């Protein structure tokens, strides 16, 4: 059942309950004043049926026209007009149906102000209930639209981050393949196959669908093999992952830009063989993955990041989890460490 139907049902039930209570109360008052049960029944039933109709008219009007908060006086004016019409019709019908009792005609005339006041009170009460229900419904719909809009904006930014990542890596790999074609065609051919497998796996992944750590590391291994073809013997890698963490979830393609950052600074700022170490561990209810690379403090500035690489990862983590402290960097003893924390 939709929210609109629920609110409509609540509104009708509230009118029905109030009408029944008012009808019984009016019936007992007429009996107390000494009128017959026939007169009391006619008066209460006709009055309340007309009042029920008037209340539905007001509430249905508010369904199509709900004034702004500073113009609620329009609702009051509408309720007064409806109450006056209700009183006129009920007075006419009751005088026509109960002509045999002169004392009732006098009572009816003298009770008009009271009837109008009570009818106006009930109609205004029903209008207030309707305004409250529709205001609540509008607020929920507005919050839902806002949440959907924010989700669309977040998904668009995540997609944009992914689009920045893939061409960046693809261009580097194609440049390396071009360089290898003339001197080492076998390695160039191998790299093309590895790049094809890597991109095929990338296309199957989406930010909204996290993958297990084991899958992420398996995909990362394809990337590392491509990079080892690019840089040859200068690059070695080591992956140390706790088996207990293998099924913990991680956003897909999150580690690749971090490892790329480590390779870039490790190879560009040092000479000789560079070892990249990836360590995954479970810490309470979080998955911690650290990427370590050597650096030369005199020629590099690791603490300032690498532009898109780490800043893109940090922004992506914030969009997915809502925290700003899920990526940390640290440098100690010529070793630069980047750590990401993935809540589970």
Protein backbone atom coordinates (compact mmCIF):
# COMPACT_ATOMS: atom_id res chain seq x y z
CA UNK A 1 0.00 0.00 0.00
CA UNK A 2 1.40 3.37 -1.01
CA UNK A 3 1.90 6.31 1.36
CA UNK A 4 -0.90 8.23 -0.36
CA UNK A 5 -3.39 5.39 0.21
CA UNK A 6 -2.30 5.01 3.83
CA UNK A 7 -2.73 8.72 4.50
CA UNK A 8 -6.12 8.71 2.77
CA UNK A 9 -7.25 5.74 4.88
CA UNK A 10 -6.07 7.39 8.10
CA UNK A 11 -7.87 10.60 7.19
CA UNK A 12 -11.18 8.83 6.42
CA UNK A 13 -10.97 6.71 9.58
CA UNK A 14 -10.30 9.77 11.71
CA UNK A 15 -13.33 11.53 10.21
CA UNK A 16 -15.46 8.41 10.74
CA UNK A 17 -14.43 8.02 14.40
CA UNK A 18 -15.03 11.68 15.20
CA UNK A 19 -18.39 11.55 13.41
CA UNK A 20 -19.53 8.50 15.38
CA UNK A 21 -18.51 10.08 18.69
CA UNK A 22 -20.23 13.36 17.79
CA UNK A 23 -23.39 11.52 16.64
CA UNK A 24 -23.66 9.55 19.87
CA UNK A 25 -23.00 12.65 21.95
CA UNK A 26 -25.68 14.61 20.05
CA UNK A 27 -28.17 11.75 20.40
CA UNK A 28 -27.69 11.60 24.17
CA UNK A 29 -28.05 15.38 24.54
CA UNK A 30 -31.38 15.37 22.68
CA UNK A 31 -32.66 12.52 24.84
CA UNK A 32 -31.55 14.46 27.93
CA UNK A 33 -33.53 17.50 26.72
CA UNK A 34 -36.66 15.30 26.60
CA UNK A 35 -37.03 14.62 22.90
CA UNK A 36 -38.16 11.24 21.61
CA UNK A 37 -35.71 8.65 20.37
CA UNK A 38 -37.07 9.17 16.83
CA UNK A 39 -36.32 12.90 16.89
CA UNK A 40 -32.92 12.34 18.50
CA UNK A 41 -32.01 9.65 15.97
CA UNK A 42 -33.10 11.73 12.97
CA UNK A 43 -31.27 14.82 14.22
CA UNK A 44 -28.02 13.05 15.05
CA UNK A 45 -27.89 10.82 11.95
CA UNK A 46 -28.76 13.52 9.41
CA UNK A 47 -26.47 16.08 11.04
CA UNK A 48 -23.56 13.71 11.22
CA UNK A 49 -23.97 12.38 7.66
CA UNK A 50 -23.96 15.91 6.31
CA UNK A 51 -21.03 16.81 8.56
CA UNK A 52 -19.16 13.72 7.38
CA UNK A 53 -19.77 14.80 3.76
CA UNK A 54 -18.61 18.35 4.52
CA UNK A 55 -15.43 17.07 6.17
CA UNK A 56 -14.66 14.86 3.16
CA UNK A 57 -15.21 17.85 0.88
CA UNK A 58 -12.68 19.91 2.84
CA UNK A 59 -10.07 17.17 3.07
CA UNK A 60 -10.38 16.26 -0.61
CA UNK A 61 -9.97 19.91 -1.51
CA UNK A 62 -6.72 19.97 0.49
CA UNK A 63 -5.57 16.97 -1.51
CA UNK A 64 -5.37 19.16 -4.62
CA UNK A 65 -4.64 22.51 -3.01
CA UNK A 66 -2.45 22.82 0.06
CA UNK A 67 -1.64 26.48 0.80
CA UNK A 68 1.72 27.63 2.10
CA UNK A 69 2.26 27.95 5.83
CA UNK A 70 1.73 31.71 5.87
CA UNK A 71 -1.61 31.30 4.04
CA UNK A 72 -3.39 28.81 6.30
CA UNK A 73 -6.09 31.45 6.84
CA UNK A 74 -7.49 30.33 3.48
CA UNK A 75 -8.21 26.93 5.04
CA UNK A 76 -10.05 28.59 7.92
CA UNK A 77 -12.18 30.65 5.51
CA UNK A 78 -12.97 27.52 3.49
CA UNK A 79 -13.94 25.64 6.67
CA UNK A 80 -16.24 28.50 7.74
CA UNK A 81 -18.01 28.50 4.36
CA UNK A 82 -18.43 24.71 4.38
CA UNK A 83 -19.73 24.83 7.97
CA UNK A 84 -22.30 27.47 7.02
CA UNK A 85 -23.50 25.39 4.07
CA UNK A 86 -23.67 22.28 6.26
CA UNK A 87 -25.72 24.10 8.89
CA UNK A 88 -28.15 25.53 6.32
CA UNK A 89 -28.79 22.16 4.64
CA UNK A 90 -29.13 20.23 7.89
CA UNK A 91 -31.48 22.91 9.32
CA UNK A 92 -33.65 22.76 6.22
CA UNK A 93 -33.85 18.95 6.11
CA UNK A 94 -34.53 18.53 9.81
CA UNK A 95 -37.28 21.16 9.82
CA UNK A 96 -38.84 19.44 6.82
CA UNK A 97 -38.68 15.93 8.32
CA UNK A 98 -39.62 16.80 11.91
CA UNK A 99 -42.47 19.27 11.42
CA UNK A 100 -44.79 17.47 13.87
CA UNK A 101 -42.82 18.63 16.94
CA UNK A 102 -43.05 22.45 17.45
CA UNK A 103 -40.76 22.36 20.48
CA UNK A 104 -38.01 20.81 18.35
CA UNK A 105 -38.27 23.69 15.85
CA UNK A 106 -37.68 26.16 18.69
CA UNK A 107 -34.81 24.06 20.04
CA UNK A 108 -33.32 23.81 16.55
CA UNK A 109 -33.42 27.58 16.08
CA UNK A 110 -31.85 28.33 19.47
CA UNK A 111 -29.11 25.69 18.98
CA UNK A 112 -27.91 27.05 15.63
CA UNK A 113 -24.90 28.98 17.10
CA UNK A 114 -23.83 25.91 19.09
CA UNK A 115 -24.28 23.62 16.10
CA UNK A 116 -22.30 25.96 13.88
CA UNK A 117 -19.48 26.21 16.43
CA UNK A 118 -19.29 22.45 16.95
CA UNK A 119 -19.49 21.76 13.21
CA UNK A 120 -16.80 24.33 12.46
CA UNK A 121 -14.59 22.84 15.17
CA UNK A 122 -14.92 19.32 13.78
CA UNK A 123 -14.38 20.41 10.16
CA UNK A 124 -11.32 22.46 11.16
CA UNK A 125 -10.01 19.49 13.14
CA UNK A 126 -10.36 17.24 10.12
CA UNK A 127 -8.65 19.85 7.94
CA UNK A 128 -5.75 20.12 10.39
CA UNK A 129 -5.32 16.34 10.43
CA UNK A 130 -5.30 16.32 6.63
CA UNK A 131 -2.81 19.20 6.44
CA UNK A 132 -0.55 17.42 8.93
CA UNK A 133 -0.67 14.13 7.01
CA UNK A 134 -0.02 15.75 3.64
CA UNK A 135 2.76 17.92 5.08
CA UNK A 136 4.43 14.83 6.52
CA UNK A 137 4.02 13.00 3.22
CA UNK A 138 5.47 15.93 1.25
CA UNK A 139 8.41 16.14 3.64
CA UNK A 140 9.15 12.42 3.27
CA UNK A 141 8.93 12.67 -0.51
CA UNK A 142 11.26 15.68 -0.46
CA UNK A 143 13.76 13.80 1.72
CA UNK A 144 13.52 10.79 -0.59
CA UNK A 145 14.13 12.96 -3.65
CA UNK A 146 17.07 14.61 -1.91
CA UNK A 147 18.55 11.23 -0.98
CA UNK A 148 18.09 9.96 -4.55
CA UNK A 149 19.66 13.13 -5.93
CA UNK A 150 22.65 12.79 -3.59
CA UNK A 151 23.02 9.12 -4.55
CA UNK A 152 22.97 9.98 -8.25
CA UNK A 153 25.57 12.68 -7.70
CA UNK A 154 27.73 10.29 -5.68
CA UNK A 155 27.43 7.53 -8.28
CA UNK A 156 28.31 10.02 -11.02
CA UNK A 157 31.41 11.13 -9.14
CA UNK A 158 32.45 7.54 -8.47
CA UNK A 159 32.00 6.77 -12.16
CA UNK A 160 34.07 9.82 -13.01
CA UNK A 161 36.85 8.64 -10.69
CA UNK A 162 36.84 5.23 -12.35
CA UNK A 163 36.94 6.83 -15.78
CA UNK A 164 39.96 8.89 -14.71
CA UNK A 165 41.71 5.78 -13.43
CA UNK A 166 41.30 3.44 -16.41
CA UNK A 167 42.54 5.73 -19.24
CA UNK A 168 45.44 6.82 -17.04
CA UNK A 169 46.65 3.25 -16.60
CA UNK A 170 45.73 2.26 -20.16
CA UNK A 171 47.81 5.03 -21.76
CA UNK A 172 50.86 4.11 -19.67
CA UNK A 173 50.53 0.46 -20.63
CA UNK A 174 50.09 1.23 -24.34
CA UNK A 175 53.16 3.45 -24.27
CA UNK A 176 55.14 0.60 -22.70
CA UNK A 177 53.86 -1.88 -25.31
CA UNK A 178 54.88 0.52 -28.05
CA UNK A 179 58.39 0.71 -26.59
CA UNK A 180 58.65 -3.09 -26.33
CA UNK A 181 57.38 -3.96 -29.81
CA UNK A 182 60.68 -3.23 -31.56
CA UNK A 183 63.16 -4.56 -29.01
CA UNK A 184 61.22 -7.28 -27.15
CA UNK A 185 58.20 -8.37 -29.22
CA UNK A 186 57.51 -11.48 -27.11
CA UNK A 187 57.22 -9.40 -23.96
CA UNK A 188 55.05 -6.88 -25.81
CA UNK A 189 52.74 -9.70 -26.92
CA UNK A 190 52.60 -11.06 -23.35
CA UNK A 191 51.81 -7.61 -22.02
CA UNK A 192 48.95 -7.20 -24.51
CA UNK A 193 47.38 -10.46 -23.28
CA UNK A 194 47.80 -9.40 -19.65
CA UNK A 195 46.33 -5.99 -20.36
CA UNK A 196 43.36 -7.62 -22.10
CA UNK A 197 42.69 -9.88 -19.08
CA UNK A 198 43.06 -6.93 -16.73
CA UNK A 199 40.63 -4.71 -18.63
CA UNK A 200 38.13 -7.55 -19.07
CA UNK A 201 38.04 -7.99 -15.30
CA UNK A 202 37.77 -4.25 -14.78
CA UNK A 203 34.68 -3.94 -16.99
CA UNK A 204 32.85 -6.54 -14.89
CA UNK A 205 33.25 -4.57 -11.67
CA UNK A 206 31.12 -1.73 -10.34
CA UNK A 207 31.56 0.55 -7.34
CA UNK A 208 28.19 -0.48 -5.93
CA UNK A 209 29.28 -4.13 -5.76
CA UNK A 210 32.20 -4.72 -3.39
CA UNK A 211 34.41 -7.75 -3.95
CA UNK A 212 36.29 -9.99 -1.58
CA UNK A 213 39.90 -9.25 -0.72
CA UNK A 214 40.94 -12.47 -2.49
CA UNK A 215 39.29 -11.29 -5.74
CA UNK A 216 40.82 -7.83 -5.45
CA UNK A 217 44.32 -9.25 -4.89
CA UNK A 218 43.88 -11.66 -7.80
CA UNK A 219 42.95 -8.75 -10.06
CA UNK A 220 45.79 -6.69 -8.63
CA UNK A 221 48.22 -9.46 -9.50
CA UNK A 222 47.35 -8.99 -13.20
CA UNK A 223 48.24 -5.33 -12.89
CA UNK A 224 51.54 -6.15 -11.16
CA UNK A 225 52.47 -8.61 -13.90
CA UNK A 226 51.91 -5.88 -16.49
CA UNK A 227 54.07 -3.48 -14.53
CA UNK A 228 56.83 -6.07 -14.12
CA UNK A 229 56.91 -6.46 -17.89
CA UNK A 230 57.21 -2.68 -18.18
CA UNK A 231 60.01 -2.26 -15.66
CA UNK A 232 61.73 -5.65 -15.91
CA UNK A 233 64.07 -6.79 -13.17
CA UNK A 234 63.92 -3.44 -11.34
CA UNK A 235 60.50 -4.22 -9.88
CA UNK A 236 59.70 -6.99 -7.39
CA UNK A 237 56.47 -7.38 -5.44
CA UNK A 238 55.36 -9.24 -2.33
CA UNK A 239 51.79 -9.78 -1.17
CA UNK A 240 51.20 -10.82 2.45
CA UNK A 241 47.52 -11.41 3.22
CA UNK A 242 46.01 -12.92 6.32
CA UNK A 243 43.82 -15.88 5.31
CA UNK A 244 41.18 -14.75 7.81
CA UNK A 245 40.69 -11.58 5.76
CA UNK A 246 40.29 -13.22 2.36
CA UNK A 247 36.48 -12.99 2.43
CA UNK A 248 36.30 -9.44 3.77
CA UNK A 249 34.85 -6.96 1.28
CA UNK A 250 36.63 -4.10 -0.44
CA UNK A 251 35.57 -1.67 -3.20
CA UNK A 252 36.83 -3.00 -6.54
CA UNK A 253 39.92 -1.44 -8.11
CA UNK A 254 40.74 0.42 -4.89
CA UNK A 255 44.28 -0.88 -4.45
CA UNK A 256 45.47 -0.45 -8.03
CA UNK A 257 46.01 3.36 -7.90
CA UNK A 258 47.75 3.00 -4.52
CA UNK A 259 50.13 0.38 -5.88
CA UNK A 260 50.63 2.48 -9.01
CA UNK A 261 51.54 5.40 -6.76
CA UNK A 262 54.03 3.21 -4.89
CA UNK A 263 55.65 1.97 -8.11
CA UNK A 264 55.86 5.46 -9.51
CA UNK A 265 57.65 6.95 -6.52
CA UNK A 266 59.66 3.85 -5.77
CA UNK A 267 61.11 3.53 -9.28
CA UNK A 268 61.36 7.19 -10.21
CA UNK A 269 63.05 8.36 -7.01
CA UNK A 270 65.45 5.50 -6.34
CA UNK A 271 68.00 3.45 -8.23
CA UNK A 272 68.39 -0.32 -8.29
CA UNK A 273 65.80 -2.93 -7.49
CA UNK A 274 62.57 -1.69 -5.90
CA UNK A 275 60.41 -3.96 -3.80
CA UNK A 276 56.71 -3.16 -3.35
CA UNK A 277 55.13 -4.88 -0.37
CA UNK A 278 51.34 -5.26 0.10
CA UNK A 279 50.14 -6.33 3.53
CA UNK A 280 46.49 -7.12 4.35
CA UNK A 281 45.26 -7.73 7.90
CA UNK A 282 42.08 -7.76 9.96
CA UNK A 283 41.81 -5.14 12.72
CA UNK A 284 38.62 -5.46 14.75
CA UNK A 285 35.80 -4.95 12.24
CA UNK A 286 37.96 -3.37 9.56
CA UNK A 287 40.15 -4.57 6.73
CA UNK A 288 43.54 -2.82 6.72
CA UNK A 289 45.67 -2.93 3.59
CA UNK A 290 49.12 -1.32 3.59
CA UNK A 291 51.28 -0.67 0.52
CA UNK A 292 54.97 0.00 1.16
CA UNK A 293 57.57 1.35 -1.23
CA UNK A 294 61.11 2.74 -0.81
CA UNK A 295 61.72 6.44 -1.40
CA UNK A 296 64.51 8.93 -1.26
CA UNK A 297 63.55 11.84 1.03
CA UNK A 298 65.98 14.13 -0.76
CA UNK A 299 64.38 13.70 -4.22
CA UNK A 300 60.73 12.90 -3.52
CA UNK A 301 57.85 14.44 -1.62
CA UNK A 302 55.67 11.42 -0.71
CA UNK A 303 53.81 13.16 2.06
CA UNK A 304 52.21 15.46 -0.49
CA UNK A 305 50.59 12.65 -2.50
CA UNK A 306 50.54 12.27 -6.24
CA UNK A 307 47.60 14.29 -7.44
CA UNK A 308 44.85 11.97 -8.67
CA UNK A 309 46.27 8.72 -7.20
CA UNK A 310 45.86 9.03 -3.42
CA UNK A 311 43.45 11.97 -3.48
CA UNK A 312 41.14 9.98 -5.77
CA UNK A 313 41.24 6.98 -3.44
CA UNK A 314 40.56 9.17 -0.41
CA UNK A 315 37.62 10.84 -2.13
CA UNK A 316 36.22 7.50 -3.23
CA UNK A 317 36.40 6.11 0.31
CA UNK A 318 34.62 9.18 1.63
CA UNK A 319 31.83 8.82 -0.94
CA UNK A 320 31.36 5.12 -0.20
CA UNK A 321 31.64 5.11 3.60
CA UNK A 322 31.24 8.72 4.73
CA UNK A 323 34.56 8.91 6.62
CA UNK A 324 37.55 11.10 5.87
CA UNK A 325 40.19 9.18 7.84
CA UNK A 326 40.18 5.87 5.95
CA UNK A 327 43.45 6.58 4.12
CA UNK A 328 46.68 7.26 5.98
CA UNK A 329 50.26 7.81 4.80
CA UNK A 330 53.46 7.47 6.78
CA UNK A 331 57.18 7.65 5.97
CA UNK A 332 59.86 6.04 8.11
CA UNK A 333 63.41 4.84 7.37
CA UNK A 334 63.16 5.47 3.62
CA UNK A 335 59.93 3.46 3.47
CA UNK A 336 56.70 5.15 2.47
CA UNK A 337 53.52 3.40 3.64
CA UNK A 338 49.96 3.99 2.47
CA UNK A 339 47.23 2.33 4.52
CA UNK A 340 43.53 2.07 3.70
CA UNK A 341 40.91 0.99 6.22
CA UNK A 342 37.74 -0.63 4.90
CA UNK A 343 34.80 -0.82 7.33
CA UNK A 344 32.85 -4.09 7.16
